[in-house]
Amino acid sequence: MLDSIIENFGEEEILKADGFDDAIIGIDQNSIRLVYSVSKCLEILMEDMDEEDAIEFFSYNVSEAYVGEKTPIWCWDLV
């Protein structure tokens, strides 16, 4: 997914969240911000921690981090 986005938006500034490339589900064409699946992000985190710790880590250290106007969009697709 990321390669396709870079191919189509390569001239734009795109901010990535380190370690979550496999959780990218698209890009917002208006703001040129990457869109990440929260459930996929949690799956990635749960490779190294349990579910409760993954949710806590993601909530406080990832989704709440603001790094400017290109901060990624987090799609809360949890079931």
N, C-alpha and C. Protein backbone atom coordinates (compact mmCIF):
# COMPACT_ATOMS: atom_id res chain seq x y z
N MET A 1 0.84 -1.19 0.00
CA MET A 1 0.00 0.00 0.00
C MET A 1 0.88 1.26 0.00
N LEU A 2 1.88 1.29 0.87
CA LEU A 2 2.73 2.48 0.97
C LEU A 2 3.43 2.78 -0.34
N ASP A 3 3.93 1.75 -1.03
CA ASP A 3 4.62 1.97 -2.30
C ASP A 3 3.68 2.62 -3.32
N SER A 4 2.44 2.17 -3.36
CA SER A 4 1.46 2.74 -4.28
C SER A 4 1.17 4.20 -3.95
N ILE A 5 1.07 4.49 -2.67
CA ILE A 5 0.80 5.87 -2.25
C ILE A 5 1.97 6.78 -2.62
N ILE A 6 3.18 6.31 -2.35
CA ILE A 6 4.36 7.11 -2.68
C ILE A 6 4.46 7.32 -4.18
N GLU A 7 4.11 6.30 -4.94
CA GLU A 7 4.13 6.41 -6.39
C GLU A 7 3.17 7.49 -6.88
N ASN A 8 2.00 7.58 -6.27
CA ASN A 8 0.98 8.54 -6.69
C ASN A 8 1.12 9.92 -6.06
N PHE A 9 1.74 9.98 -4.87
CA PHE A 9 1.85 11.24 -4.15
C PHE A 9 3.30 11.56 -3.80
N GLY A 10 4.24 11.06 -4.58
CA GLY A 10 5.66 11.17 -4.28
C GLY A 10 6.18 12.58 -4.11
N GLU A 11 5.54 13.54 -4.72
CA GLU A 11 5.99 14.93 -4.62
C GLU A 11 5.49 15.60 -3.34
N GLU A 12 4.55 14.97 -2.66
CA GLU A 12 3.96 15.54 -1.46
C GLU A 12 4.75 15.11 -0.22
N GLU A 13 4.69 15.94 0.82
CA GLU A 13 5.26 15.55 2.11
C GLU A 13 4.29 14.58 2.78
N ILE A 14 4.77 13.38 3.07
CA ILE A 14 3.94 12.37 3.72
C ILE A 14 4.66 11.92 4.98
N LEU A 15 3.96 11.99 6.10
CA LEU A 15 4.53 11.61 7.39
C LEU A 15 4.09 10.20 7.74
N LYS A 16 5.08 9.33 8.01
CA LYS A 16 4.80 7.94 8.37
C LYS A 16 4.96 7.74 9.86
N ALA A 17 4.23 6.76 10.39
CA ALA A 17 4.41 6.33 11.77
C ALA A 17 5.35 5.13 11.73
N ASP A 18 6.52 5.25 12.34
CA ASP A 18 7.53 4.19 12.30
C ASP A 18 7.00 2.87 12.83
N GLY A 19 7.26 1.82 12.08
CA GLY A 19 6.90 0.49 12.50
C GLY A 19 5.50 0.04 12.13
N PHE A 20 4.73 0.91 11.50
CA PHE A 20 3.34 0.57 11.20
C PHE A 20 3.01 0.58 9.70
N ASP A 21 4.00 0.37 8.86
CA ASP A 21 3.77 0.38 7.41
C ASP A 21 2.69 -0.62 6.99
N ASP A 22 2.66 -1.79 7.64
CA ASP A 22 1.67 -2.81 7.28
C ASP A 22 0.25 -2.45 7.72
N ALA A 23 0.11 -1.40 8.50
CA ALA A 23 -1.21 -0.98 8.98
C ALA A 23 -1.81 0.15 8.14
N ILE A 24 -1.09 0.60 7.12
CA ILE A 24 -1.59 1.68 6.25
C ILE A 24 -2.73 1.14 5.40
N ILE A 25 -3.85 1.85 5.43
CA ILE A 25 -5.01 1.42 4.64
C ILE A 25 -5.38 2.44 3.56
N GLY A 26 -4.69 3.57 3.53
CA GLY A 26 -5.00 4.55 2.49
C GLY A 26 -4.41 5.90 2.80
N ILE A 27 -4.90 6.88 2.07
CA ILE A 27 -4.45 8.26 2.24
C ILE A 27 -5.65 9.18 2.07
N ASP A 28 -5.69 10.22 2.88
CA ASP A 28 -6.73 11.24 2.73
C ASP A 28 -6.26 12.19 1.64
N GLN A 29 -6.97 12.22 0.54
CA GLN A 29 -6.53 13.02 -0.61
C GLN A 29 -6.63 14.52 -0.38
N ASN A 30 -7.47 14.94 0.55
CA ASN A 30 -7.58 16.37 0.83
C ASN A 30 -6.40 16.90 1.62
N SER A 31 -6.00 16.17 2.65
CA SER A 31 -4.92 16.64 3.51
C SER A 31 -3.59 15.96 3.23
N ILE A 32 -3.58 14.96 2.36
CA ILE A 32 -2.40 14.15 2.03
C ILE A 32 -1.79 13.60 3.31
N ARG A 33 -2.66 12.98 4.13
CA ARG A 33 -2.20 12.31 5.35
C ARG A 33 -2.50 10.82 5.24
N LEU A 34 -1.55 10.02 5.69
CA LEU A 34 -1.75 8.57 5.68
C LEU A 34 -2.85 8.18 6.65
N VAL A 35 -3.59 7.14 6.29
CA VAL A 35 -4.64 6.60 7.15
C VAL A 35 -4.21 5.20 7.58
N TYR A 36 -4.22 4.99 8.89
CA TYR A 36 -3.80 3.71 9.47
C TYR A 36 -4.98 3.01 10.11
N SER A 37 -4.99 1.68 10.02
CA SER A 37 -5.97 0.85 10.71
C SER A 37 -5.49 0.64 12.14
N VAL A 38 -6.29 1.06 13.10
CA VAL A 38 -5.91 0.88 14.50
C VAL A 38 -5.83 -0.60 14.85
N SER A 39 -6.75 -1.40 14.34
CA SER A 39 -6.70 -2.84 14.66
C SER A 39 -5.42 -3.48 14.13
N LYS A 40 -4.96 -3.05 12.96
CA LYS A 40 -3.71 -3.58 12.43
C LYS A 40 -2.52 -3.07 13.23
N CYS A 41 -2.58 -1.82 13.68
CA CYS A 41 -1.51 -1.29 14.54
C CYS A 41 -1.41 -2.10 15.82
N LEU A 42 -2.56 -2.40 16.40
CA LEU A 42 -2.56 -3.19 17.64
C LEU A 42 -2.01 -4.59 17.40
N GLU A 43 -2.35 -5.19 16.26
CA GLU A 43 -1.80 -6.51 15.93
C GLU A 43 -0.27 -6.45 15.87
N ILE A 44 0.25 -5.40 15.28
CA ILE A 44 1.71 -5.23 15.18
C ILE A 44 2.31 -5.11 16.58
N LEU A 45 1.69 -4.29 17.43
CA LEU A 45 2.19 -4.12 18.79
C LEU A 45 2.11 -5.41 19.59
N MET A 46 1.06 -6.21 19.35
CA MET A 46 0.87 -7.43 20.12
C MET A 46 1.85 -8.54 19.74
N GLU A 47 2.71 -8.28 18.77
CA GLU A 47 3.79 -9.21 18.49
C GLU A 47 4.81 -9.19 19.63
N ASP A 48 4.85 -8.07 20.37
CA ASP A 48 5.83 -7.90 21.44
C ASP A 48 5.22 -7.65 22.82
N MET A 49 3.89 -7.53 22.90
CA MET A 49 3.25 -7.26 24.19
C MET A 49 1.84 -7.82 24.19
N ASP A 50 1.23 -7.88 25.37
CA ASP A 50 -0.14 -8.40 25.42
C ASP A 50 -1.12 -7.31 24.97
N GLU A 51 -2.38 -7.70 24.79
CA GLU A 51 -3.38 -6.79 24.24
C GLU A 51 -3.58 -5.53 25.08
N GLU A 52 -3.67 -5.69 26.38
CA GLU A 52 -3.89 -4.54 27.26
C GLU A 52 -2.74 -3.54 27.15
N ASP A 53 -1.51 -4.05 27.17
CA ASP A 53 -0.35 -3.17 27.05
C ASP A 53 -0.29 -2.51 25.67
N ALA A 54 -0.68 -3.26 24.64
CA ALA A 54 -0.67 -2.71 23.28
C ALA A 54 -1.67 -1.56 23.16
N ILE A 55 -2.87 -1.73 23.72
CA ILE A 55 -3.88 -0.68 23.67
C ILE A 55 -3.41 0.55 24.44
N GLU A 56 -2.85 0.34 25.61
CA GLU A 56 -2.35 1.46 26.41
C GLU A 56 -1.22 2.18 25.70
N PHE A 57 -0.26 1.42 25.16
CA PHE A 57 0.86 2.03 24.46
C PHE A 57 0.37 2.83 23.26
N PHE A 58 -0.51 2.22 22.46
CA PHE A 58 -1.01 2.89 21.27
C PHE A 58 -1.77 4.17 21.64
N SER A 59 -2.62 4.07 22.64
CA SER A 59 -3.44 5.22 23.04
C SER A 59 -2.60 6.40 23.51
N TYR A 60 -1.58 6.13 24.30
CA TYR A 60 -0.81 7.23 24.88
C TYR A 60 0.38 7.67 24.04
N ASN A 61 1.00 6.75 23.31
CA ASN A 61 2.24 7.06 22.62
C ASN A 61 2.13 7.21 21.11
N VAL A 62 1.05 6.73 20.55
CA VAL A 62 0.93 6.77 19.10
C VAL A 62 -0.22 7.68 18.68
N SER A 63 -1.43 7.31 19.01
CA SER A 63 -2.59 8.06 18.51
C SER A 63 -2.71 9.45 19.10
N GLU A 64 -2.18 9.67 20.28
CA GLU A 64 -2.27 10.99 20.92
C GLU A 64 -1.12 11.92 20.53
N ALA A 65 -0.14 11.39 19.80
CA ALA A 65 1.01 12.20 19.40
C ALA A 65 0.62 13.12 18.24
N TYR A 66 0.83 14.39 18.42
CA TYR A 66 0.60 15.36 17.34
C TYR A 66 1.95 15.84 16.86
N VAL A 67 2.21 15.63 15.57
CA VAL A 67 3.51 16.02 15.03
C VAL A 67 3.35 16.98 13.85
N GLY A 68 2.35 17.81 13.94
CA GLY A 68 2.12 18.81 12.90
C GLY A 68 0.92 18.48 12.03
N GLU A 69 0.72 19.30 11.01
CA GLU A 69 -0.46 19.17 10.18
C GLU A 69 -0.48 17.90 9.33
N LYS A 70 0.61 17.21 9.24
CA LYS A 70 0.67 15.95 8.48
C LYS A 70 0.58 14.73 9.39
N THR A 71 0.18 14.93 10.66
CA THR A 71 -0.01 13.82 11.58
C THR A 71 -0.95 12.80 10.94
N PRO A 72 -0.59 11.51 10.96
CA PRO A 72 -1.46 10.50 10.35
C PRO A 72 -2.86 10.46 10.96
N ILE A 73 -3.76 9.87 10.20
CA ILE A 73 -5.14 9.67 10.63
C ILE A 73 -5.27 8.24 11.12
N TRP A 74 -5.87 8.07 12.28
CA TRP A 74 -6.04 6.74 12.88
C TRP A 74 -7.49 6.31 12.72
N CYS A 75 -7.73 5.26 11.93
CA CYS A 75 -9.07 4.74 11.69
C CYS A 75 -9.37 3.69 12.75
N TRP A 76 -10.27 4.02 13.67
CA TRP A 76 -10.65 3.11 14.75
C TRP A 76 -11.62 2.09 14.21
N ASP A 77 -11.08 1.04 13.61
CA ASP A 77 -11.87 0.01 12.94
C ASP A 77 -12.03 -1.23 13.80
N LEU A 78 -11.99 -1.06 15.10
CA LEU A 78 -12.11 -2.19 16.03
C LEU A 78 -13.52 -2.74 16.03
N VAL A 79 -13.62 -4.04 16.19
CA VAL A 79 -14.94 -4.68 16.25
C VAL A 79 -15.26 -5.11 17.64
